Amino acid sequence: MKTVIFDLDGTLADTSADLIAAANAAFRMGGIDVALDAQADALTAFHGGRAMLRLGFSRLAGGWDEGDIDRLYPMLLEYYGNNINHHTRLYDGVVEMLDALAAAGLALGICTNKPEALAETLVRELGIRNYFGALLGADSIAVKKPDPEHLLETVRRVGGDAGRAVLVGDTVTDREAGRAAGVPVVLVTFGPAGREVAALEPEALLDHYRDLPGVLGRLGLG
């Protein structure tokens, strides 16, 4: 079965503002006098909670280590889980695109490095969970992207096979996962990195979701 697997944060939805807010809340609760900027630091948000915390600590004059990250990370997750959808929005054209792909008979799934429970909560609140035959998060199996097995297991769970699959993502993590799995990668250009993702040399770039059916056709999934 022809299969399209999507990343979530930065690909289907702009979650950066809520993620940054959670990191800043964790810093406050931990007594750390630093804050991230919702716009300037949006790209780091899409690399995960620990990346945001490391960025914040790197701006402090004093020393820090991974123990500090481990201490604040549960606070970040708890705050984010309770405030997951205040500012998050689907990118333009997502619902229409999902309707078109589903109508064409393609199998759809989500492979994200967000914890599974949080990802499930978010896609349900965004009203798009019904489109996806499987959703695998960072803790769904023993590995996560860029390990290829995370992507390949998502493909299997929607009833597809890697030889007729495409991954749509937004970061180097997605690019590396696709390359390792032998799956073509489409990187979106409407995230914080913009067209800089072209430097990652994906099989295709995507400027708007209305163009995805055509892109898939050129990759053999028409």
Foldseek 3Di string as FASTA:
>chain_A
DFAEEEAPDQFFKPQQQLLQVLLQQLCVVVVHPWGDDSQVCSVQSQVDNLSSNVVRQVPDPDDDDVVVSVVSVVSSVVSCLVVVPPPMDTPPPNVVLLVVCVVVPYAYEYAYQAQPVSVVVVCVVNPNPVSHQYYDYCPNDPHGFPQLVSVQVSQVSSPHHQVNYEYEYADLRSLSNCVNNVHFYEHEQPGSCHPVCVVSVGPYYHDGSVCVVVVSVVVPND
